[in-house]
């Protein structure tokens, strides 16, 4: 038996049913949908399960949700940098990809403080941990964080308070002392 003589067993391959192509297609009249009812009229929505909670809504609140927008950073350790780079070298994505410490130059990565760095390096990375920054600086090197994490307060009340405090600071007022302008009654309201 050779590779060019291999074939699927008889009866395992079927021609695709061509629905709605008339009686000559073998599924004429009702196009293989039956005669009456909801399914014959094409009115069943995708994911409809007869009125019960659909699967897509049941699974949304179960544990194990994975955020599709999450960016996975590859870990690069200081010990690996000390082993592969000489003193004074510049560590960037292209150099790491050439040494196969990351999958590709466009792959996001984060420098972590595992290992010991004994000589000065210039590190250009999207993210660095706080302890890695301290270790690089202590070894006499320098770093640049190309894509630092944006720490946003999701609670809108806190964002409004922060914006109000920034406006008050810009106006030269102390937000901790005194009342806000909205709390001071206007002369028209007193009269």
N, C-alpha and C. Protein backbone atom coordinates (compact mmCIF):
# COMPACT_ATOMS: atom_id res chain seq x y z
N UNK A 1 0.85 -1.19 0.00
CA UNK A 1 0.00 0.00 0.00
C UNK A 1 0.89 1.24 0.00
N UNK A 2 0.64 2.13 -0.92
CA UNK A 2 1.39 3.37 -1.03
C UNK A 2 0.49 4.55 -0.67
N UNK A 3 1.14 5.68 -0.47
CA UNK A 3 0.36 6.85 -0.06
C UNK A 3 -0.59 7.31 -1.15
N UNK A 4 -0.20 7.14 -2.40
CA UNK A 4 -1.06 7.62 -3.49
C UNK A 4 -2.23 6.66 -3.76
N UNK A 5 -2.21 5.49 -3.13
CA UNK A 5 -3.33 4.56 -3.32
C UNK A 5 -4.33 4.62 -2.18
N UNK A 6 -4.07 5.42 -1.16
CA UNK A 6 -4.99 5.51 -0.04
C UNK A 6 -6.28 6.22 -0.47
N UNK A 7 -7.39 5.74 -0.01
CA UNK A 7 -8.70 6.32 -0.32
C UNK A 7 -9.62 6.06 0.85
N UNK A 8 -10.58 6.93 1.07
CA UNK A 8 -11.53 6.68 2.16
C UNK A 8 -12.38 5.45 1.87
N UNK A 9 -12.85 4.76 2.90
CA UNK A 9 -13.66 3.56 2.66
C UNK A 9 -14.98 3.92 1.97
N UNK A 10 -15.52 3.02 1.23
CA UNK A 10 -16.78 3.31 0.52
C UNK A 10 -17.90 3.63 1.48
N UNK A 11 -18.66 4.66 1.15
CA UNK A 11 -19.80 5.06 1.97
C UNK A 11 -19.48 6.09 3.03
N UNK A 12 -18.18 6.41 3.25
CA UNK A 12 -17.83 7.38 4.28
C UNK A 12 -17.89 8.82 3.78
N UNK A 13 -17.87 9.01 2.49
CA UNK A 13 -17.94 10.35 1.92
C UNK A 13 -19.29 10.54 1.23
N UNK A 14 -19.95 11.64 1.58
CA UNK A 14 -21.27 11.92 1.01
C UNK A 14 -21.24 13.27 0.33
N UNK A 15 -21.99 13.39 -0.74
CA UNK A 15 -22.10 14.68 -1.42
C UNK A 15 -22.91 15.64 -0.57
N UNK A 16 -22.56 16.91 -0.63
CA UNK A 16 -23.28 17.92 0.13
C UNK A 16 -24.71 18.06 -0.38
N UNK A 17 -25.66 18.15 0.56
CA UNK A 17 -27.06 18.31 0.19
C UNK A 17 -27.29 19.73 -0.29
N UNK A 18 -27.80 19.91 -1.50
CA UNK A 18 -28.07 21.23 -2.07
C UNK A 18 -29.55 21.53 -1.85
N UNK A 19 -29.84 22.20 -0.76
CA UNK A 19 -31.22 22.47 -0.40
C UNK A 19 -31.76 23.66 -1.18
N UNK A 20 -33.03 23.61 -1.45
CA UNK A 20 -33.69 24.74 -2.11
C UNK A 20 -33.30 24.92 -3.55
N UNK A 21 -32.95 23.83 -4.27
CA UNK A 21 -32.56 23.93 -5.68
C UNK A 21 -33.53 23.17 -6.58
N UNK A 22 -34.74 23.03 -6.11
CA UNK A 22 -35.75 22.38 -6.94
C UNK A 22 -35.75 20.87 -6.76
N UNK A 23 -36.68 20.22 -7.45
CA UNK A 23 -36.83 18.77 -7.32
C UNK A 23 -35.63 18.02 -7.88
N UNK A 24 -34.93 18.60 -8.86
CA UNK A 24 -33.78 17.91 -9.45
C UNK A 24 -32.64 17.79 -8.43
N UNK A 25 -32.60 18.67 -7.43
CA UNK A 25 -31.55 18.60 -6.42
C UNK A 25 -31.81 17.52 -5.39
N UNK A 26 -32.98 16.90 -5.43
CA UNK A 26 -33.29 15.83 -4.49
C UNK A 26 -33.97 16.32 -3.22
N UNK A 27 -34.01 17.62 -3.02
CA UNK A 27 -34.66 18.18 -1.83
C UNK A 27 -35.59 19.31 -2.26
N UNK A 28 -36.47 19.03 -3.16
CA UNK A 28 -37.37 20.05 -3.65
C UNK A 28 -38.57 20.24 -2.77
N UNK A 29 -39.48 21.05 -3.19
CA UNK A 29 -40.75 21.37 -2.54
C UNK A 29 -40.55 22.08 -1.21
N UNK A 30 -40.12 21.36 -0.18
CA UNK A 30 -39.94 21.99 1.14
C UNK A 30 -38.47 22.12 1.52
N UNK A 31 -37.57 21.84 0.58
CA UNK A 31 -36.12 22.03 0.75
C UNK A 31 -35.56 21.26 1.94
N UNK A 32 -36.17 20.15 2.28
CA UNK A 32 -35.64 19.32 3.36
C UNK A 32 -35.95 19.83 4.74
N UNK A 33 -36.81 20.85 4.84
CA UNK A 33 -37.12 21.42 6.15
C UNK A 33 -38.42 20.87 6.73
N UNK A 34 -39.10 20.04 6.04
CA UNK A 34 -40.41 19.60 6.52
C UNK A 34 -41.49 20.54 6.02
N UNK A 35 -42.72 20.34 6.49
CA UNK A 35 -43.83 21.11 5.94
C UNK A 35 -44.16 22.35 6.74
N UNK A 36 -44.48 22.20 8.00
CA UNK A 36 -44.91 23.36 8.79
C UNK A 36 -44.05 23.49 10.04
N UNK A 37 -44.28 24.58 10.73
CA UNK A 37 -43.62 24.76 12.02
C UNK A 37 -42.56 25.84 11.99
N UNK A 38 -42.05 26.12 13.17
CA UNK A 38 -41.11 27.21 13.33
C UNK A 38 -39.82 26.99 12.54
N UNK A 39 -39.31 25.76 12.55
CA UNK A 39 -38.05 25.48 11.88
C UNK A 39 -38.18 25.51 10.36
N UNK A 40 -39.38 25.30 9.83
CA UNK A 40 -39.54 25.32 8.38
C UNK A 40 -39.60 26.73 7.83
N UNK A 41 -39.83 27.72 8.71
CA UNK A 41 -40.03 29.09 8.24
C UNK A 41 -38.79 29.96 8.43
N UNK A 42 -37.71 29.40 8.97
CA UNK A 42 -36.47 30.16 9.10
C UNK A 42 -36.54 31.26 10.13
N UNK A 43 -37.31 31.07 11.20
CA UNK A 43 -37.50 32.12 12.20
C UNK A 43 -36.80 31.83 13.52
N UNK A 44 -36.01 30.76 13.60
CA UNK A 44 -35.35 30.40 14.85
C UNK A 44 -34.03 31.17 14.94
N UNK A 45 -33.88 31.97 15.98
CA UNK A 45 -32.66 32.75 16.15
C UNK A 45 -31.49 31.85 16.53
N UNK A 46 -30.29 32.27 16.19
CA UNK A 46 -29.11 31.50 16.53
C UNK A 46 -28.95 31.49 18.05
N UNK A 47 -28.79 30.30 18.62
CA UNK A 47 -28.64 30.18 20.06
C UNK A 47 -29.95 30.07 20.81
N UNK A 48 -31.10 30.09 20.12
CA UNK A 48 -32.39 29.97 20.80
C UNK A 48 -32.58 28.54 21.28
N UNK A 49 -32.97 28.39 22.54
CA UNK A 49 -33.12 27.06 23.14
C UNK A 49 -34.52 26.86 23.69
N UNK A 50 -35.52 27.31 22.98
CA UNK A 50 -36.89 27.05 23.38
C UNK A 50 -37.37 27.91 24.52
N UNK A 51 -36.69 28.96 24.85
CA UNK A 51 -37.13 29.85 25.91
C UNK A 51 -36.30 29.72 27.19
N UNK A 52 -35.56 28.61 27.35
CA UNK A 52 -34.71 28.51 28.52
C UNK A 52 -33.47 29.41 28.34
N UNK A 53 -32.76 29.64 29.42
CA UNK A 53 -31.58 30.49 29.34
C UNK A 53 -30.56 29.85 28.40
N UNK A 54 -30.17 30.52 27.33
CA UNK A 54 -29.25 29.90 26.37
C UNK A 54 -27.88 29.64 26.99
N UNK A 55 -27.14 28.79 26.33
CA UNK A 55 -25.81 28.41 26.82
C UNK A 55 -24.90 29.62 26.92
N UNK A 56 -24.97 30.54 25.97
CA UNK A 56 -24.07 31.68 25.96
C UNK A 56 -24.33 32.58 27.15
N UNK A 57 -25.56 32.59 27.67
CA UNK A 57 -25.86 33.38 28.86
C UNK A 57 -25.61 32.61 30.14
N UNK A 58 -25.71 31.29 30.08
CA UNK A 58 -25.44 30.49 31.27
C UNK A 58 -23.95 30.48 31.60
N UNK A 59 -23.11 30.44 30.60
CA UNK A 59 -21.68 30.33 30.83
C UNK A 59 -21.05 31.66 31.18
N UNK A 60 -21.71 32.76 30.91
CA UNK A 60 -21.08 34.07 31.10
C UNK A 60 -20.81 34.34 32.57
N UNK A 61 -21.59 33.78 33.47
CA UNK A 61 -21.39 34.08 34.88
C UNK A 61 -20.78 32.91 35.65
N UNK A 62 -20.25 31.95 34.94
CA UNK A 62 -19.59 30.83 35.61
C UNK A 62 -18.09 31.13 35.74
N UNK A 63 -17.41 30.52 36.72
CA UNK A 63 -15.98 30.78 36.87
C UNK A 63 -15.19 30.27 35.68
N UNK A 64 -14.04 30.85 35.46
CA UNK A 64 -13.18 30.45 34.36
C UNK A 64 -13.28 31.35 33.17
N UNK A 65 -13.86 32.55 33.32
CA UNK A 65 -13.96 33.47 32.19
C UNK A 65 -12.58 33.95 31.79
N UNK A 66 -12.30 34.00 30.50
CA UNK A 66 -11.03 34.48 29.98
C UNK A 66 -11.28 35.71 29.12
N UNK A 67 -10.66 36.79 29.49
CA UNK A 67 -10.86 38.05 28.79
C UNK A 67 -10.21 37.97 27.41
N UNK A 68 -10.98 38.11 26.32
CA UNK A 68 -10.37 38.03 24.99
C UNK A 68 -9.48 39.23 24.67
N UNK A 69 -9.60 40.32 25.42
CA UNK A 69 -8.79 41.50 25.16
C UNK A 69 -7.49 41.51 25.97
N UNK A 70 -7.26 40.49 26.77
CA UNK A 70 -6.06 40.45 27.62
C UNK A 70 -4.81 40.27 26.76
N UNK A 71 -3.76 40.99 27.09
CA UNK A 71 -2.48 40.88 26.41
C UNK A 71 -1.55 40.04 27.28
N UNK A 72 -1.06 38.94 26.74
CA UNK A 72 -0.17 38.06 27.48
C UNK A 72 1.28 38.48 27.22
N UNK A 73 1.97 38.85 28.29
CA UNK A 73 3.37 39.25 28.20
C UNK A 73 4.26 38.04 28.49
N UNK A 74 5.29 37.87 27.67
CA UNK A 74 6.26 36.82 27.94
C UNK A 74 7.24 37.31 28.99
N UNK A 75 7.68 36.40 29.84
CA UNK A 75 8.57 36.74 30.94
C UNK A 75 10.02 36.62 30.49
N UNK A 76 10.80 37.66 30.78
CA UNK A 76 12.24 37.66 30.54
C UNK A 76 12.90 37.96 31.89
N UNK A 77 13.82 37.11 32.33
CA UNK A 77 14.42 37.24 33.65
C UNK A 77 15.77 37.94 33.58
N UNK A 78 16.10 38.65 34.64
CA UNK A 78 17.38 39.35 34.69
C UNK A 78 18.55 38.39 34.63
N UNK A 79 18.39 37.20 35.19
CA UNK A 79 19.45 36.20 35.11
C UNK A 79 19.78 35.82 33.67
N UNK A 80 18.76 35.73 32.81
CA UNK A 80 18.99 35.43 31.40
C UNK A 80 19.70 36.58 30.71
N UNK A 81 19.34 37.81 31.07
CA UNK A 81 20.01 38.97 30.47
C UNK A 81 21.48 39.01 30.88
N UNK A 82 21.77 38.71 32.14
CA UNK A 82 23.16 38.71 32.60
C UNK A 82 23.97 37.62 31.92
N UNK A 83 23.31 36.51 31.58
CA UNK A 83 24.02 35.39 30.97
C UNK A 83 24.30 35.63 29.49
N UNK A 84 23.38 36.28 28.77
CA UNK A 84 23.49 36.39 27.32
C UNK A 84 24.04 37.73 26.83
N UNK A 85 24.09 38.76 27.67
CA UNK A 85 24.52 40.08 27.21
C UNK A 85 25.74 40.53 28.00
N UNK A 86 26.68 41.14 27.28
CA UNK A 86 27.89 41.66 27.93
C UNK A 86 27.60 43.01 28.55
N UNK A 87 28.55 43.50 29.34
CA UNK A 87 28.38 44.79 30.01
C UNK A 87 28.28 45.90 28.98
N UNK A 88 27.35 46.82 29.20
CA UNK A 88 27.15 47.96 28.31
C UNK A 88 26.29 47.67 27.09
N UNK A 89 25.79 46.46 26.95
CA UNK A 89 24.98 46.10 25.78
C UNK A 89 23.58 46.68 25.92
N UNK A 90 22.93 46.84 24.77
CA UNK A 90 21.55 47.31 24.73
C UNK A 90 20.63 46.12 24.53
N UNK A 91 19.67 45.97 25.42
CA UNK A 91 18.73 44.86 25.36
C UNK A 91 17.40 45.40 24.85
N UNK A 92 16.98 44.93 23.68
CA UNK A 92 15.69 45.32 23.12
C UNK A 92 15.02 44.08 22.54
N UNK A 93 13.87 44.29 21.91
CA UNK A 93 13.08 43.15 21.41
C UNK A 93 13.82 42.39 20.32
N UNK A 94 14.51 43.10 19.43
CA UNK A 94 15.21 42.43 18.34
C UNK A 94 16.34 41.55 18.87
N UNK A 95 17.08 42.06 19.87
CA UNK A 95 18.17 41.27 20.45
C UNK A 95 17.64 40.04 21.18
N UNK A 96 16.53 40.19 21.90
CA UNK A 96 15.96 39.05 22.60
C UNK A 96 15.40 38.01 21.64
N UNK A 97 14.78 38.48 20.54
CA UNK A 97 14.24 37.54 19.55
C UNK A 97 15.37 36.81 18.83
N UNK A 98 16.50 37.49 18.60
CA UNK A 98 17.62 36.83 17.95
C UNK A 98 18.20 35.72 18.81
N UNK A 99 18.16 35.90 20.13
CA UNK A 99 18.63 34.86 21.06
C UNK A 99 17.54 33.87 21.45
N UNK A 100 16.36 34.04 20.90
CA UNK A 100 15.20 33.18 21.16
C UNK A 100 14.77 33.19 22.62
N UNK A 101 14.97 34.34 23.28
CA UNK A 101 14.44 34.48 24.63
C UNK A 101 12.97 34.87 24.61
N UNK A 102 12.49 35.43 23.48
CA UNK A 102 11.07 35.67 23.25
C UNK A 102 10.73 35.12 21.87
N UNK A 103 9.45 34.97 21.59
CA UNK A 103 9.03 34.32 20.35
C UNK A 103 9.26 35.17 19.12
N UNK A 104 9.16 36.50 19.25
CA UNK A 104 9.35 37.37 18.09
C UNK A 104 9.57 38.79 18.55
N UNK A 105 10.09 39.63 17.64
CA UNK A 105 10.40 41.01 18.00
C UNK A 105 9.14 41.82 18.29
N UNK A 106 8.01 41.41 17.73
CA UNK A 106 6.76 42.13 17.97
C UNK A 106 5.99 41.58 19.17
N UNK A 107 6.52 40.54 19.81
CA UNK A 107 5.86 39.91 20.95
C UNK A 107 6.04 40.77 22.21
N UNK A 108 4.95 41.11 22.92
CA UNK A 108 5.11 41.88 24.16
C UNK A 108 5.78 41.03 25.24
N UNK A 109 6.69 41.65 25.99
CA UNK A 109 7.39 40.93 27.04
C UNK A 109 7.58 41.85 28.24
N UNK A 110 7.87 41.23 29.37
CA UNK A 110 8.08 41.96 30.61
C UNK A 110 9.34 41.43 31.28
N UNK A 111 10.19 42.35 31.72
CA UNK A 111 11.43 41.98 32.39
C UNK A 111 11.14 41.82 33.87
N UNK A 112 11.47 40.64 34.41
CA UNK A 112 11.26 40.33 35.81
C UNK A 112 12.61 40.22 36.52
N UNK A 113 12.59 40.27 37.84
CA UNK A 113 13.83 40.37 38.61
C UNK A 113 14.40 39.03 39.03
N UNK A 114 13.97 37.93 38.45
CA UNK A 114 14.52 36.63 38.81
C UNK A 114 15.97 36.54 38.33
N UNK A 115 16.86 36.10 39.18
CA UNK A 115 18.27 36.03 38.83
C UNK A 115 19.02 37.25 39.34
N UNK A 116 20.31 37.27 39.07
CA UNK A 116 21.16 38.35 39.57
C UNK A 116 21.83 39.04 38.39
N UNK A 117 21.76 40.36 38.37
CA UNK A 117 22.40 41.16 37.33
C UNK A 117 23.63 41.82 37.94
N UNK A 118 24.81 41.50 37.40
CA UNK A 118 26.06 41.98 37.99
C UNK A 118 26.72 43.08 37.19
N UNK A 119 26.29 43.32 35.96
CA UNK A 119 26.91 44.36 35.14
C UNK A 119 25.83 45.26 34.55
N UNK A 120 26.27 46.43 34.07
CA UNK A 120 25.34 47.45 33.59
C UNK A 120 24.82 47.10 32.20
N UNK A 121 23.51 47.25 32.02
CA UNK A 121 22.86 47.04 30.73
C UNK A 121 21.88 48.18 30.47
N UNK A 122 21.62 48.43 29.20
CA UNK A 122 20.58 49.38 28.81
C UNK A 122 19.40 48.55 28.33
N UNK A 123 18.31 48.59 29.06
CA UNK A 123 17.16 47.72 28.79
C UNK A 123 16.03 48.56 28.23
N UNK A 124 15.54 48.19 27.04
CA UNK A 124 14.38 48.81 26.41
C UNK A 124 13.30 47.74 26.33
N UNK A 125 12.26 47.87 27.14
CA UNK A 125 11.24 46.84 27.22
C UNK A 125 9.87 47.47 27.34
N UNK A 126 8.83 46.77 26.86
CA UNK A 126 7.46 47.32 27.04
C UNK A 126 7.09 47.45 28.50
N UNK A 127 7.46 46.46 29.33
CA UNK A 127 7.13 46.50 30.75
C UNK A 127 8.32 45.99 31.56
N UNK A 128 8.49 46.55 32.74
CA UNK A 128 9.49 46.09 33.70
C UNK A 128 8.85 46.06 35.07
N UNK A 129 9.18 45.06 35.87
CA UNK A 129 8.68 45.03 37.23
C UNK A 129 9.46 46.04 38.07
N UNK A 130 8.89 46.44 39.20
CA UNK A 130 9.53 47.45 40.05
C UNK A 130 10.85 46.94 40.59
N UNK A 131 10.91 45.66 40.98
CA UNK A 131 12.16 45.12 41.49
C UNK A 131 13.20 44.98 40.39
N UNK A 132 12.77 44.74 39.15
CA UNK A 132 13.72 44.68 38.04
C UNK A 132 14.32 46.06 37.77
N UNK A 133 13.51 47.10 37.88
CA UNK A 133 14.02 48.46 37.70
C UNK A 133 15.08 48.77 38.76
N UNK A 134 14.80 48.38 40.00
CA UNK A 134 15.76 48.63 41.08
C UNK A 134 17.05 47.87 40.84
N UNK A 135 16.96 46.62 40.39
CA UNK A 135 18.16 45.81 40.17
C UNK A 135 18.99 46.36 39.02
N UNK A 136 18.34 46.83 37.95
CA UNK A 136 19.07 47.39 36.81
C UNK A 136 19.78 48.67 37.23
N UNK A 137 19.09 49.52 37.98
CA UNK A 137 19.70 50.76 38.45
C UNK A 137 20.84 50.48 39.42
N UNK A 138 20.67 49.49 40.30
CA UNK A 138 21.71 49.16 41.27
C UNK A 138 22.96 48.62 40.58
N UNK A 139 22.80 47.95 39.44
CA UNK A 139 23.95 47.42 38.70
C UNK A 139 24.63 48.49 37.87
N UNK A 140 24.08 49.71 37.86
CA UNK A 140 24.69 50.79 37.09
C UNK A 140 24.13 50.95 35.70
N UNK A 141 23.08 50.24 35.37
CA UNK A 141 22.50 50.33 34.05
C UNK A 141 21.34 51.30 34.00
N UNK A 142 20.67 51.32 32.87
CA UNK A 142 19.52 52.19 32.68
C UNK A 142 18.43 51.41 31.98
N UNK A 143 17.21 51.92 32.08
CA UNK A 143 16.07 51.24 31.45
C UNK A 143 15.12 52.28 30.89
N UNK A 144 14.30 51.82 29.95
CA UNK A 144 13.21 52.64 29.41
C UNK A 144 12.00 51.74 29.22
N UNK A 145 10.91 52.13 29.84
CA UNK A 145 9.66 51.36 29.74
C UNK A 145 8.85 51.93 28.58
N UNK A 146 8.73 51.15 27.51
CA UNK A 146 8.13 51.65 26.27
C UNK A 146 6.61 51.70 26.32
N UNK A 147 5.98 50.80 27.05
CA UNK A 147 4.52 50.75 27.14
C UNK A 147 4.11 50.54 28.57
N UNK A 148 4.25 51.55 29.44
CA UNK A 148 3.90 51.36 30.85
C UNK A 148 2.41 51.12 31.01
N UNK A 149 2.07 50.40 32.07
CA UNK A 149 0.67 50.07 32.34
C UNK A 149 -0.07 51.34 32.74
N UNK A 150 -1.25 51.52 32.18
CA UNK A 150 -2.10 52.67 32.51
C UNK A 150 -3.01 52.26 33.66
N UNK A 151 -2.77 52.81 34.83
CA UNK A 151 -3.59 52.49 36.00
C UNK A 151 -4.74 53.48 36.06
N UNK A 152 -5.90 53.02 35.60
CA UNK A 152 -7.09 53.86 35.59
C UNK A 152 -8.02 53.43 36.70
N UNK A 153 -8.65 54.40 37.34
CA UNK A 153 -9.67 54.11 38.34
C UNK A 153 -10.97 53.86 37.59
N UNK A 154 -11.54 52.68 37.76
CA UNK A 154 -12.75 52.35 37.01
C UNK A 154 -13.99 52.98 37.61
N UNK A 155 -13.95 53.29 38.90
CA UNK A 155 -15.11 53.88 39.55
C UNK A 155 -15.25 55.33 39.10
N UNK A 156 -16.38 55.66 38.52
CA UNK A 156 -16.55 57.00 37.96
C UNK A 156 -16.58 58.07 39.05
N UNK A 157 -17.04 57.70 40.25
CA UNK A 157 -17.09 58.69 41.33
C UNK A 157 -15.67 59.15 41.67
N UNK A 158 -14.75 58.19 41.74
CA UNK A 158 -13.36 58.55 42.04
C UNK A 158 -12.76 59.36 40.91
N UNK A 159 -13.12 59.04 39.67
CA UNK A 159 -12.59 59.81 38.55
C UNK A 159 -13.12 61.23 38.59
N UNK A 160 -14.40 61.41 38.96
CA UNK A 160 -14.95 62.75 39.06
C UNK A 160 -14.27 63.53 40.18
N UNK A 161 -14.03 62.85 41.31
CA UNK A 161 -13.35 63.53 42.41
C UNK A 161 -11.93 63.91 42.03
N UNK A 162 -11.25 63.03 41.31
CA UNK A 162 -9.88 63.34 40.89
C UNK A 162 -9.88 64.51 39.90
N UNK A 163 -10.87 64.54 38.99
CA UNK A 163 -10.95 65.65 38.04
C UNK A 163 -11.26 66.96 38.75
N UNK A 164 -12.15 66.89 39.76
CA UNK A 164 -12.49 68.10 40.52
C UNK A 164 -11.28 68.58 41.30
N UNK A 165 -10.50 67.64 41.86
CA UNK A 165 -9.31 68.04 42.61
C UNK A 165 -8.27 68.65 41.68
N UNK A 166 -8.16 68.12 40.47
CA UNK A 166 -7.21 68.68 39.51
C UNK A 166 -7.63 70.09 39.09
N UNK A 167 -8.93 70.29 38.88
CA UNK A 167 -9.41 71.63 38.53
C UNK A 167 -9.17 72.61 39.66
N UNK A 168 -9.40 72.15 40.89
CA UNK A 168 -9.19 73.03 42.03
C UNK A 168 -7.71 73.37 42.20
N UNK A 169 -6.85 72.39 41.93
CA UNK A 169 -5.42 72.65 42.02
C UNK A 169 -4.97 73.60 40.92
N UNK A 170 -5.57 73.46 39.74
CA UNK A 170 -5.22 74.37 38.64
C UNK A 170 -5.69 75.79 38.92
N UNK A 171 -6.81 75.91 39.61
CA UNK A 171 -7.33 77.24 39.94
C UNK A 171 -6.60 77.86 41.12
N UNK A 172 -5.75 77.10 41.79
CA UNK A 172 -5.00 77.63 42.91
C UNK A 172 -5.69 77.45 44.24
N UNK A 173 -6.82 76.76 44.26
CA UNK A 173 -7.55 76.55 45.51
C UNK A 173 -7.10 75.25 46.13
N UNK A 174 -7.27 75.12 47.43
CA UNK A 174 -6.96 73.90 48.15
C UNK A 174 -8.23 73.06 48.25
N UNK A 175 -8.28 71.86 47.61
CA UNK A 175 -9.53 71.09 47.63
C UNK A 175 -9.89 70.56 49.02
N UNK A 176 -8.91 70.45 49.93
CA UNK A 176 -9.20 69.91 51.26
C UNK A 176 -9.85 70.95 52.15
N UNK A 177 -9.52 72.20 51.95
CA UNK A 177 -10.05 73.25 52.81
C UNK A 177 -11.10 74.05 52.06
N UNK A 178 -12.16 74.41 52.76
CA UNK A 178 -13.18 75.24 52.15
C UNK A 178 -14.21 74.42 51.41
N UNK A 179 -15.28 75.10 51.04
CA UNK A 179 -16.37 74.43 50.35
C UNK A 179 -16.14 74.53 48.86
N UNK A 180 -16.75 73.60 48.14
CA UNK A 180 -16.67 73.64 46.69
C UNK A 180 -17.55 74.75 46.15
N UNK A 181 -17.29 75.21 44.89
CA UNK A 181 -18.10 76.30 44.35
C UNK A 181 -19.57 75.95 44.26
N UNK A 182 -19.89 74.66 44.07
CA UNK A 182 -21.31 74.29 43.97
C UNK A 182 -22.01 74.40 45.31
N UNK A 183 -21.24 74.28 46.43
CA UNK A 183 -21.87 74.32 47.74
C UNK A 183 -22.10 75.73 48.23
N UNK A 184 -21.44 76.73 47.63
CA UNK A 184 -21.61 78.12 48.05
C UNK A 184 -22.88 78.66 47.44
N UNK A 185 -23.84 79.18 48.25
CA UNK A 185 -25.10 79.69 47.67
C UNK A 185 -24.86 80.96 46.89
N UNK A 186 -25.60 81.10 45.81
CA UNK A 186 -25.49 82.28 44.96
C UNK A 186 -26.30 83.43 45.55
N UNK A 187 -25.97 84.69 45.21
CA UNK A 187 -26.76 85.82 45.73
C UNK A 187 -28.22 85.77 45.30
N UNK A 188 -28.50 85.23 44.07
CA UNK A 188 -29.89 85.16 43.62
C UNK A 188 -30.68 84.19 44.47
N UNK A 189 -30.01 83.09 44.92
CA UNK A 189 -30.73 82.10 45.73
C UNK A 189 -31.06 82.64 47.11
N UNK A 190 -30.20 83.54 47.64
CA UNK A 190 -30.48 84.10 48.97
C UNK A 190 -31.64 85.09 48.94
N UNK A 191 -31.80 85.79 47.81
CA UNK A 191 -32.84 86.83 47.72
C UNK A 191 -34.19 86.27 47.44
